[in-house]
Amino acid sequence: MLDMKIRFLILSILFVGTVSEVIAQEKRILTLEECKGMALKNNVDMQTGRIDVAAAKQTQKDAFTKYFPKITAGAVSYKADDNLIEGVIPPIPSLGLETPMEVGVLEEGNLITASAIQPIFAGGQIVNSNKLAKTALEASRLQLNMTADKVELETETYFWKIVSLKEAEKTLAILDTLLQNLHKDVNLAVKTGITTHNDLLTVQLKQNELQSTRLQVENGMQLSKMALCQYIGIPLDSASYIDVPEIDVEIKNPAEYLVDHQSMLPSLSAYKLLGKNVEVHELKRKIVLGQQLPTVGVGVTYAYEDWMFDRSRNHFVMMATLSVPISDWWGGSHKFKRSKLEEKKALQQQQDGGEKLQLKMQQSWNLLTESYKQIILAESAVSESEENLRMQTNNYHSGICSLSELLDAQGLYQKSRNRYTDACIDYKIKVTQYQKDTGQ
């Protein structure tokens, strides 16, 4: 009996926990900022960008090692089937050699060497290579910032698509209520002989169309939620348990976002990246020049050998190295001229890119102001369609207008609401786009 109570208690706890988890999942509301945060953390493009930054850091660390001595070591051990060097020592009576004696060496032996070379002067190649690696790291970080802007904007697009569909569902719910009431009125009119059965069929047809539209909206909602989940890096099956808040209808005047485009240009990651491109080609030119200059180094070599006369010896050798690339001067001069041309091209690209970025900022501003005007027009259309629907409903009940005119008024009302929602969402996206384009 006690075991049964314990089992029941455990099952109850598990059941309550499971139900609580499901409820928590069903009530999960993702705000726009939460979606952006998850996208910046989990999106594949962001993860790839962070890998590129990490790789650039390793390249920088590798370039730094060139400041230190270059150390090499080697060893040779051999065993021959006979002496590699043989000879005959003639008789030397004074040493007790009365007869010639055959001798041989290098039948076996070992040689171990180790050397360290410290570069003293390399034509600036080491210094400029380190600067180049640092510039490449900074460029990869700028590229990551640009990727983050793109990811945030794309996240907003997915987010607001869901909000738009939620608003469409609300409009369909309003129309569904209107059609249900209209169906009752027409059905009563048919029974009393005021109107024909065709009017009732027309209303039912509109109701069927509404249900079909609602099904399309629901399917679009599910797909849009799955697309958002995939983009921000959460499981696709979470789409059934997430939702977004209702639309925020607060619309600020675009003048509040306006900035001076010329002054904002240097703060743009895209423009900074163009500057880094110039720095890269400038450093590459200096490296090419350094390859044509002499290189100087100092070092020490240690050697251990035991291959002659069964004796081992240690050797230490101090050295200085000088390398002059004489034969490379001819071809290197052409390589240097090419690097100067590439640097000049990078400067032209920086100027051209800066002008294009300013054009993009102006275009983004134009689209923002146009979108704001569309909201004003759409808002006016909603007010007019609401009033028109109210009048046509009263006129229909008074017998002044036909059923088709009333249904047309309902259709116009639906279109105006959807247009207003889309205009508001488009404006919010345009605001973000303008802020990204101007570096805000």
Protein backbone atom coordinates (compact mmCIF):
# COMPACT_ATOMS: atom_id res chain seq x y z
CA MET A 1 0.00 0.00 0.00
CA LEU A 2 2.86 2.32 0.88
CA ASP A 3 4.56 1.51 -2.44
CA MET A 4 1.39 2.44 -4.31
CA LYS A 5 1.25 5.82 -2.55
CA ILE A 6 4.88 6.52 -3.36
CA ARG A 7 4.33 5.60 -7.02
CA PHE A 8 1.26 7.81 -7.16
CA LEU A 9 3.19 10.70 -5.61
CA ILE A 10 6.06 10.35 -8.11
CA LEU A 11 3.67 10.13 -11.06
CA SER A 12 1.80 13.19 -9.81
CA ILE A 13 5.04 15.19 -9.55
CA LEU A 14 6.10 14.13 -13.03
CA PHE A 15 2.68 14.94 -14.46
CA VAL A 16 2.58 18.37 -12.83
CA GLY A 17 6.11 19.09 -14.03
CA THR A 18 5.26 18.07 -17.57
CA VAL A 19 2.06 20.12 -17.60
CA SER A 20 3.91 23.11 -16.18
CA GLU A 21 6.57 22.80 -18.86
CA VAL A 22 3.98 22.65 -21.64
CA ILE A 23 2.14 25.64 -20.21
CA ALA A 24 5.41 27.53 -19.96
CA GLN A 25 6.18 26.69 -23.56
CA GLU A 26 2.73 27.73 -24.74
CA LYS A 27 3.04 31.06 -22.94
CA ARG A 28 6.51 31.91 -24.21
CA ILE A 29 6.40 35.37 -25.75
CA LEU A 30 9.52 36.40 -27.64
CA THR A 31 10.17 40.12 -27.85
CA LEU A 32 12.07 41.63 -30.73
CA GLU A 33 15.13 42.28 -28.58
CA GLU A 34 15.14 38.68 -27.36
CA CYS A 35 14.99 37.43 -30.93
CA LYS A 36 17.87 39.69 -31.92
CA GLY A 37 19.94 38.52 -28.96
CA MET A 38 19.43 34.86 -29.82
CA ALA A 39 20.15 35.50 -33.49
CA LEU A 40 23.43 37.27 -32.68
CA LYS A 41 24.42 34.32 -30.52
CA ASN A 42 23.19 31.36 -32.54
CA ASN A 43 22.86 32.37 -36.19
CA VAL A 44 25.20 30.46 -38.51
CA ASP A 45 26.48 33.62 -40.18
CA MET A 46 27.48 35.02 -36.78
CA GLN A 47 29.16 31.78 -35.76
CA THR A 48 31.09 31.73 -39.04
CA GLY A 49 32.13 35.35 -38.53
CA ARG A 50 33.42 34.59 -35.03
CA ILE A 51 35.44 31.69 -36.46
CA ASP A 52 36.98 34.09 -38.99
CA VAL A 53 37.94 36.45 -36.15
CA ALA A 54 39.48 33.58 -34.17
CA ALA A 55 41.44 32.48 -37.25
CA ALA A 56 42.72 36.04 -37.75
CA LYS A 57 43.88 36.09 -34.11
CA GLN A 58 45.89 32.91 -34.71
CA THR A 59 47.43 34.47 -37.82
CA GLN A 60 48.45 37.50 -35.73
CA LYS A 61 50.05 35.25 -33.10
CA ASP A 62 51.87 33.33 -35.81
CA ALA A 63 53.29 36.57 -37.25
CA PHE A 64 54.50 37.62 -33.78
CA THR A 65 56.65 34.48 -33.50
CA LYS A 66 58.82 35.78 -36.37
CA TYR A 67 60.41 38.26 -33.93
CA PHE A 68 62.08 35.39 -32.06
CA PRO A 69 65.09 33.31 -33.10
CA LYS A 70 64.61 30.55 -35.61
CA ILE A 71 65.74 27.34 -33.97
CA THR A 72 66.51 24.16 -35.90
CA ALA A 73 67.93 20.83 -34.86
CA GLY A 74 69.04 17.72 -36.70
CA ALA A 75 70.71 14.39 -36.16
CA VAL A 76 72.49 11.83 -38.36
CA SER A 77 73.42 8.30 -37.36
CA TYR A 78 74.87 5.78 -39.79
CA LYS A 79 76.41 2.29 -39.98
CA ALA A 80 78.32 1.24 -43.11
CA ASP A 81 79.28 -2.28 -44.20
CA ASP A 82 82.92 -1.16 -44.30
CA ASN A 83 85.08 1.85 -43.57
CA LEU A 84 84.18 4.79 -45.78
CA ILE A 85 87.78 6.02 -45.75
CA GLU A 86 90.69 3.56 -45.84
CA GLY A 87 94.46 4.04 -46.10
CA VAL A 88 97.88 2.60 -45.39
CA ILE A 89 100.34 4.03 -42.91
CA PRO A 90 103.91 3.48 -44.08
CA PRO A 91 106.56 2.04 -41.73
CA ILE A 92 107.76 4.53 -39.10
CA PRO A 93 110.58 2.85 -37.19
CA SER A 94 110.90 5.68 -34.73
CA LEU A 95 107.32 5.01 -33.61
CA GLY A 96 107.72 1.28 -33.59
CA LEU A 97 105.97 0.69 -36.95
CA GLU A 98 108.24 -1.67 -38.77
CA THR A 99 105.73 -2.71 -41.40
CA PRO A 100 102.93 -0.88 -43.27
CA MET A 101 99.56 -0.79 -41.41
CA GLU A 102 96.09 -0.55 -42.95
CA VAL A 103 93.69 1.83 -41.20
CA GLY A 104 90.03 2.84 -41.81
CA VAL A 105 87.58 5.40 -40.41
CA LEU A 106 83.90 6.41 -40.72
CA GLU A 107 82.48 2.92 -40.55
CA GLU A 108 79.88 4.23 -38.12
CA GLY A 109 79.15 7.50 -36.40
CA ASN A 110 76.68 10.10 -35.09
CA LEU A 111 76.24 13.81 -35.68
CA ILE A 112 73.85 16.04 -33.76
CA THR A 113 73.42 19.73 -34.54
CA ALA A 114 71.30 22.59 -33.20
CA SER A 115 71.29 26.19 -34.35
CA ALA A 116 69.51 29.43 -33.50
CA ILE A 117 69.36 32.41 -35.86
CA GLN A 118 68.08 35.76 -34.60
CA PRO A 119 66.96 38.14 -37.39
CA ILE A 120 68.45 41.61 -36.92
CA PHE A 121 67.24 43.30 -40.09
CA ALA A 122 64.80 41.86 -42.64
CA GLY A 123 63.90 44.92 -44.63
CA GLY A 124 60.88 45.60 -42.42
CA GLN A 125 59.21 42.35 -43.49
CA ILE A 126 58.66 41.10 -39.93
CA VAL A 127 57.35 44.41 -38.61
CA ASN A 128 55.04 44.97 -41.57
CA SER A 129 53.84 41.37 -41.54
CA ASN A 130 52.77 41.83 -37.92
CA LYS A 131 51.02 45.07 -38.82
CA LEU A 132 49.32 43.28 -41.70
CA ALA A 133 48.10 40.50 -39.39
CA LYS A 134 46.75 43.10 -36.95
CA THR A 135 44.96 44.95 -39.75
CA ALA A 136 43.46 41.68 -40.99
CA LEU A 137 42.16 40.99 -37.47
CA GLU A 138 40.57 44.44 -37.27
CA ALA A 139 39.02 43.90 -40.72
CA SER A 140 37.53 40.57 -39.63
CA ARG A 141 35.97 42.28 -36.62
CA LEU A 142 34.48 44.98 -38.83
CA GLN A 143 33.11 42.28 -41.10
CA LEU A 144 31.56 40.62 -38.06
CA ASN A 145 29.90 43.93 -37.13
CA MET A 146 28.44 44.20 -40.63
CA THR A 147 27.18 40.61 -40.37
CA ALA A 148 25.55 41.47 -37.04
CA ASP A 149 23.71 44.40 -38.66
CA LYS A 150 22.47 42.13 -41.43
CA VAL A 151 21.37 39.44 -38.98
CA GLU A 152 19.48 41.93 -36.81
CA LEU A 153 17.67 43.38 -39.81
CA GLU A 154 16.77 39.93 -41.13
CA THR A 155 15.53 38.94 -37.68
CA GLU A 156 13.24 41.96 -37.64
CA THR A 157 11.84 40.92 -41.03
CA TYR A 158 10.94 37.46 -39.72
CA PHE A 159 9.58 38.92 -36.48
CA TRP A 160 7.36 41.53 -38.10
CA LYS A 161 6.06 39.00 -40.61
CA ILE A 162 4.55 37.08 -37.69
CA VAL A 163 3.10 40.29 -36.23
CA SER A 164 1.56 41.09 -39.61
CA LEU A 165 -0.11 37.70 -39.76
CA LYS A 166 -1.41 38.13 -36.20
CA GLU A 167 -3.03 41.40 -37.24
CA ALA A 168 -4.49 39.69 -40.29
CA GLU A 169 -6.04 37.08 -37.99
CA LYS A 170 -7.61 39.84 -35.89
CA THR A 171 -9.10 41.43 -39.01
CA LEU A 172 -10.46 38.07 -40.13
CA ALA A 173 -12.03 37.57 -36.70
CA ILE A 174 -13.83 40.93 -37.03
CA LEU A 175 -15.07 40.06 -40.51
CA ASP A 176 -16.12 36.62 -39.31
CA THR A 177 -18.33 38.22 -36.67
CA LEU A 178 -19.79 40.61 -39.23
CA LEU A 179 -20.55 37.78 -41.64
CA GLN A 180 -22.14 35.66 -38.91
CA ASN A 181 -24.46 38.50 -38.01
CA LEU A 182 -25.16 39.15 -41.68
CA HIS A 183 -25.90 35.46 -42.22
CA LYS A 184 -28.51 35.59 -39.47
CA ASP A 185 -30.12 38.70 -40.93
CA VAL A 186 -30.20 37.31 -44.49
CA ASN A 187 -31.45 33.94 -43.32
CA LEU A 188 -34.30 35.66 -41.50
CA ALA A 189 -35.00 37.78 -44.57
CA VAL A 190 -35.18 34.65 -46.73
CA LYS A 191 -37.62 33.01 -44.36
CA THR A 192 -39.87 36.06 -44.35
CA GLY A 193 -39.69 36.35 -48.14
CA ILE A 194 -37.93 39.70 -48.12
CA THR A 195 -34.98 38.46 -50.17
CA THR A 196 -34.07 35.45 -52.25
CA HIS A 197 -32.03 32.39 -51.38
CA ASN A 198 -29.26 33.64 -53.67
CA ASP A 199 -28.35 36.31 -51.13
CA LEU A 200 -27.95 33.66 -48.45
CA LEU A 201 -25.72 31.61 -50.74
CA THR A 202 -23.65 34.71 -51.46
CA VAL A 203 -23.05 35.26 -47.73
CA GLN A 204 -22.16 31.61 -47.24
CA LEU A 205 -19.72 31.84 -50.13
CA LYS A 206 -18.05 34.82 -48.48
CA GLN A 207 -17.84 32.87 -45.23
CA ASN A 208 -16.18 29.98 -47.05
CA GLU A 209 -13.69 32.37 -48.65
CA LEU A 210 -12.97 33.81 -45.22
CA GLN A 211 -12.29 30.35 -43.80
CA SER A 212 -9.99 29.59 -46.70
CA THR A 213 -8.10 32.83 -46.11
CA ARG A 214 -7.86 32.07 -42.40
CA LEU A 215 -6.37 28.66 -43.18
CA GLN A 216 -3.76 30.29 -45.41
CA VAL A 217 -2.91 32.79 -42.68
CA GLU A 218 -2.58 30.02 -40.07
CA ASN A 219 -0.28 28.01 -42.33
CA GLY A 220 1.74 31.12 -43.09
CA MET A 221 1.96 31.84 -39.36
CA GLN A 222 3.31 28.37 -38.59
CA LEU A 223 5.86 28.55 -41.40
CA SER A 224 6.94 32.06 -40.38
CA LYS A 225 7.46 30.96 -36.79
CA MET A 226 9.54 28.01 -37.95
CA ALA A 227 11.62 30.33 -40.14
CA LEU A 228 12.20 32.63 -37.16
CA CYS A 229 13.21 29.68 -34.97
CA GLN A 230 15.67 28.44 -37.57
CA TYR A 231 17.20 31.89 -38.01
CA ILE A 232 17.66 32.64 -34.30
CA GLY A 233 18.97 29.15 -33.59
CA ILE A 234 16.27 27.39 -31.59
CA PRO A 235 14.62 24.03 -32.44
CA LEU A 236 12.02 24.11 -35.19
CA ASP A 237 9.50 22.30 -33.00
CA SER A 238 9.56 25.34 -30.69
CA ALA A 239 7.43 27.13 -33.29
CA SER A 240 4.32 25.63 -31.72
CA TYR A 241 5.16 27.14 -28.33
CA ILE A 242 6.32 30.65 -29.17
CA ASP A 243 4.46 33.84 -29.94
CA VAL A 244 5.24 37.52 -30.37
CA PRO A 245 3.63 40.59 -28.76
CA GLU A 246 0.89 42.60 -30.39
CA ILE A 247 1.99 45.33 -32.78
CA ASP A 248 3.27 48.52 -31.22
CA VAL A 249 1.43 51.26 -33.07
CA GLU A 250 3.66 54.07 -31.79
CA ILE A 251 5.03 55.66 -34.93
CA LYS A 252 7.60 58.44 -34.55
CA ASN A 253 8.18 61.11 -37.12
CA PRO A 254 11.20 60.21 -39.31
CA ALA A 255 12.75 63.60 -38.49
CA GLU A 256 13.65 62.14 -35.08
CA TYR A 257 16.00 59.65 -36.78
CA LEU A 258 17.62 62.06 -39.23
CA VAL A 259 21.40 62.54 -38.94
CA ASP A 260 24.04 64.28 -41.02
CA HIS A 261 25.13 61.68 -43.55
CA GLN A 262 28.54 63.19 -44.26
CA SER A 263 29.55 63.26 -40.60
CA MET A 264 28.32 59.70 -40.01
CA LEU A 265 30.38 58.23 -42.86
CA PRO A 266 33.61 57.62 -40.86
CA SER A 267 31.67 55.67 -38.21
CA LEU A 268 30.32 53.11 -40.67
CA SER A 269 31.87 49.65 -40.48
CA ALA A 270 31.70 49.37 -44.26
CA TYR A 271 33.70 52.59 -44.68
CA LYS A 272 36.23 51.53 -42.04
CA LEU A 273 36.62 48.26 -43.92
CA LEU A 274 37.49 50.20 -47.06
CA GLY A 275 40.17 52.02 -45.05
CA LYS A 276 41.54 48.70 -43.81
CA ASN A 277 41.75 47.53 -47.41
CA VAL A 278 43.97 50.53 -48.17
CA GLU A 279 46.16 49.74 -45.14
CA VAL A 280 46.50 46.12 -46.26
CA HIS A 281 47.75 47.07 -49.71
CA GLU A 282 50.10 49.69 -48.26
CA LEU A 283 51.65 47.08 -45.97
CA LYS A 284 51.88 44.57 -48.80
CA ARG A 285 53.82 47.15 -50.82
CA LYS A 286 56.24 47.65 -47.94
CA ILE A 287 56.69 43.89 -47.58
CA VAL A 288 57.47 43.54 -51.28
CA LEU A 289 60.04 46.31 -50.92
CA GLY A 290 61.55 44.56 -47.91
CA GLN A 291 61.96 41.37 -49.92
CA GLN A 292 64.44 43.22 -52.17
CA LEU A 293 66.57 44.47 -49.27
CA PRO A 294 69.43 42.58 -47.58
CA THR A 295 68.63 40.52 -44.49
CA VAL A 296 71.00 40.30 -41.54
CA GLY A 297 71.00 37.83 -38.69
CA VAL A 298 73.23 36.47 -35.94
CA GLY A 299 73.22 33.02 -34.47
CA VAL A 300 74.96 30.15 -32.80
CA THR A 301 75.34 26.51 -33.79
CA TYR A 302 76.16 23.55 -31.57
CA ALA A 303 77.42 20.23 -32.98
CA TYR A 304 78.22 16.90 -31.40
CA GLU A 305 80.06 14.24 -33.44
CA ASP A 306 81.65 10.90 -32.74
CA TRP A 307 82.54 9.39 -36.07
CA MET A 308 86.32 9.50 -36.23
CA PHE A 309 88.89 7.57 -34.19
CA ASP A 310 86.27 6.48 -31.65
CA ARG A 311 86.28 9.94 -30.14
CA SER A 312 83.43 12.37 -29.54
CA ARG A 313 83.69 16.12 -29.79
CA ASN A 314 81.51 19.18 -29.11
CA HIS A 315 81.59 22.31 -31.23
CA PHE A 316 80.12 25.78 -30.72
CA VAL A 317 80.08 28.17 -33.66
CA MET A 318 79.07 31.83 -33.57
CA MET A 319 77.92 33.24 -36.89
CA ALA A 320 76.54 36.26 -38.66
CA THR A 321 74.47 35.96 -41.84
CA LEU A 322 73.96 38.39 -44.67
CA SER A 323 71.66 37.62 -47.57
CA VAL A 324 71.39 39.91 -50.59
CA PRO A 325 68.68 38.97 -53.17
CA ILE A 326 70.66 40.17 -56.20
CA SER A 327 68.97 38.01 -58.83
CA ASP A 328 65.50 38.99 -57.51
CA TRP A 329 65.97 42.73 -57.99
CA TRP A 330 64.86 42.66 -61.61
CA GLY A 331 61.68 40.65 -61.12
CA GLY A 332 61.14 42.23 -57.71
CA SER A 333 61.02 45.71 -59.23
CA HIS A 334 58.01 44.69 -61.33
CA LYS A 335 56.37 43.08 -58.32
CA PHE A 336 56.86 46.32 -56.37
CA LYS A 337 55.32 48.41 -59.17
CA ARG A 338 52.33 46.07 -59.26
CA SER A 339 51.85 46.42 -55.49
CA LYS A 340 51.87 50.22 -55.88
CA LEU A 341 49.15 49.96 -58.55
CA GLU A 342 47.07 47.72 -56.28
CA GLU A 343 47.43 50.26 -53.48
CA LYS A 344 46.29 53.02 -55.82
CA LYS A 345 43.28 50.92 -56.81
CA ALA A 346 42.40 50.42 -53.14
CA LEU A 347 42.46 54.20 -52.61
CA GLN A 348 40.11 54.67 -55.57
CA GLN A 349 37.81 51.98 -54.20
CA GLN A 350 37.76 53.76 -50.84
CA GLN A 351 36.69 57.03 -52.43
CA ASP A 352 34.13 55.37 -54.67
CA GLY A 353 32.82 53.23 -51.83
CA GLY A 354 32.43 56.25 -49.57
CA GLU A 355 30.34 58.05 -52.18
CA LYS A 356 28.17 54.97 -52.68
CA LEU A 357 27.63 54.67 -48.93
CA GLN A 358 26.42 58.27 -48.82
CA LEU A 359 24.05 57.54 -51.70
CA LYS A 360 22.80 54.50 -49.82
CA MET A 361 22.15 56.63 -46.72
CA GLN A 362 20.16 59.12 -48.80
CA GLN A 363 18.20 56.36 -50.48
CA SER A 364 17.45 54.79 -47.10
CA TRP A 365 16.20 58.16 -45.85
CA ASN A 366 13.97 58.60 -48.90
CA LEU A 367 12.45 55.16 -48.39
CA LEU A 368 11.88 55.95 -44.71
CA THR A 369 9.99 59.17 -45.44
CA GLU A 370 7.97 57.48 -48.17
CA SER A 371 7.04 54.69 -45.78
CA TYR A 372 5.90 57.24 -43.19
CA LYS A 373 3.64 58.91 -45.75
CA GLN A 374 2.18 55.53 -46.64
CA ILE A 375 1.16 55.10 -42.99
CA ILE A 376 -0.69 58.41 -43.03
CA LEU A 377 -2.52 57.43 -46.22
CA ALA A 378 -3.30 53.95 -44.90
CA GLU A 379 -4.55 55.31 -41.59
CA SER A 380 -6.89 57.66 -43.42
CA ALA A 381 -8.11 54.76 -45.59
CA VAL A 382 -8.92 52.70 -42.47
CA SER A 383 -11.02 55.54 -41.03
CA GLU A 384 -12.83 55.99 -44.32
CA SER A 385 -13.46 52.27 -44.77
CA GLU A 386 -14.77 51.95 -41.20
CA GLU A 387 -17.19 54.79 -41.78
CA ASN A 388 -18.19 53.36 -45.16
CA LEU A 389 -18.82 49.95 -43.62
CA ARG A 390 -20.94 51.47 -40.86
CA MET A 391 -22.99 53.43 -43.40
CA GLN A 392 -23.45 50.48 -45.76
CA THR A 393 -24.50 48.26 -42.85
CA ASN A 394 -27.15 50.78 -41.80
CA ASN A 395 -28.24 51.26 -45.41
CA TYR A 396 -28.56 47.52 -45.92
CA HIS A 397 -30.73 47.18 -42.85
CA SER A 398 -32.77 50.10 -44.13
CA GLY A 399 -33.05 48.50 -47.57
CA ILE A 400 -31.17 51.32 -49.30
CA CYS A 401 -28.16 49.33 -50.51
CA SER A 402 -27.74 45.82 -51.85
CA LEU A 403 -26.01 42.85 -50.25
CA SER A 404 -23.14 43.01 -52.75
CA GLU A 405 -22.47 46.64 -51.78
CA LEU A 406 -22.29 45.67 -48.12
CA LEU A 407 -19.91 42.79 -48.87
CA ASP A 408 -17.76 45.10 -50.96
CA ALA A 409 -17.60 47.50 -48.01
CA GLN A 410 -16.44 44.65 -45.78
CA GLY A 411 -13.77 43.70 -48.32
CA LEU A 412 -12.51 47.28 -48.49
CA TYR A 413 -12.37 47.38 -44.72
CA GLN A 414 -10.26 44.21 -44.65
CA LYS A 415 -7.86 45.52 -47.29
CA SER A 416 -7.46 48.89 -45.57
CA ARG A 417 -6.64 47.29 -42.21
CA ASN A 418 -4.12 44.92 -43.78
CA ARG A 419 -2.59 47.79 -45.72
CA TYR A 420 -2.25 49.87 -42.56
CA THR A 421 -0.60 47.00 -40.67
CA ASP A 422 1.82 46.36 -43.51
CA ALA A 423 2.63 50.07 -43.73
CA CYS A 424 3.42 50.25 -40.00
CA ILE A 425 5.63 47.16 -40.15
CA ASP A 426 7.37 48.38 -43.28
CA TYR A 427 8.10 51.67 -41.52
CA LYS A 428 9.61 49.93 -38.49
CA ILE A 429 11.88 47.90 -40.77
CA LYS A 430 12.82 51.02 -42.71
CA VAL A 431 13.74 52.76 -39.44
CA THR A 432 16.10 49.94 -38.55
CA GLN A 433 17.53 49.92 -42.05
CA TYR A 434 18.21 53.66 -41.93
CA GLN A 435 19.82 53.40 -38.52
CA LYS A 436 22.08 50.60 -39.73
CA ASP A 437 22.97 52.46 -42.93
CA THR A 438 23.91 55.59 -40.94
CA GLY A 439 25.81 53.81 -38.19
CA GLN A 440 23.43 54.76 -35.37
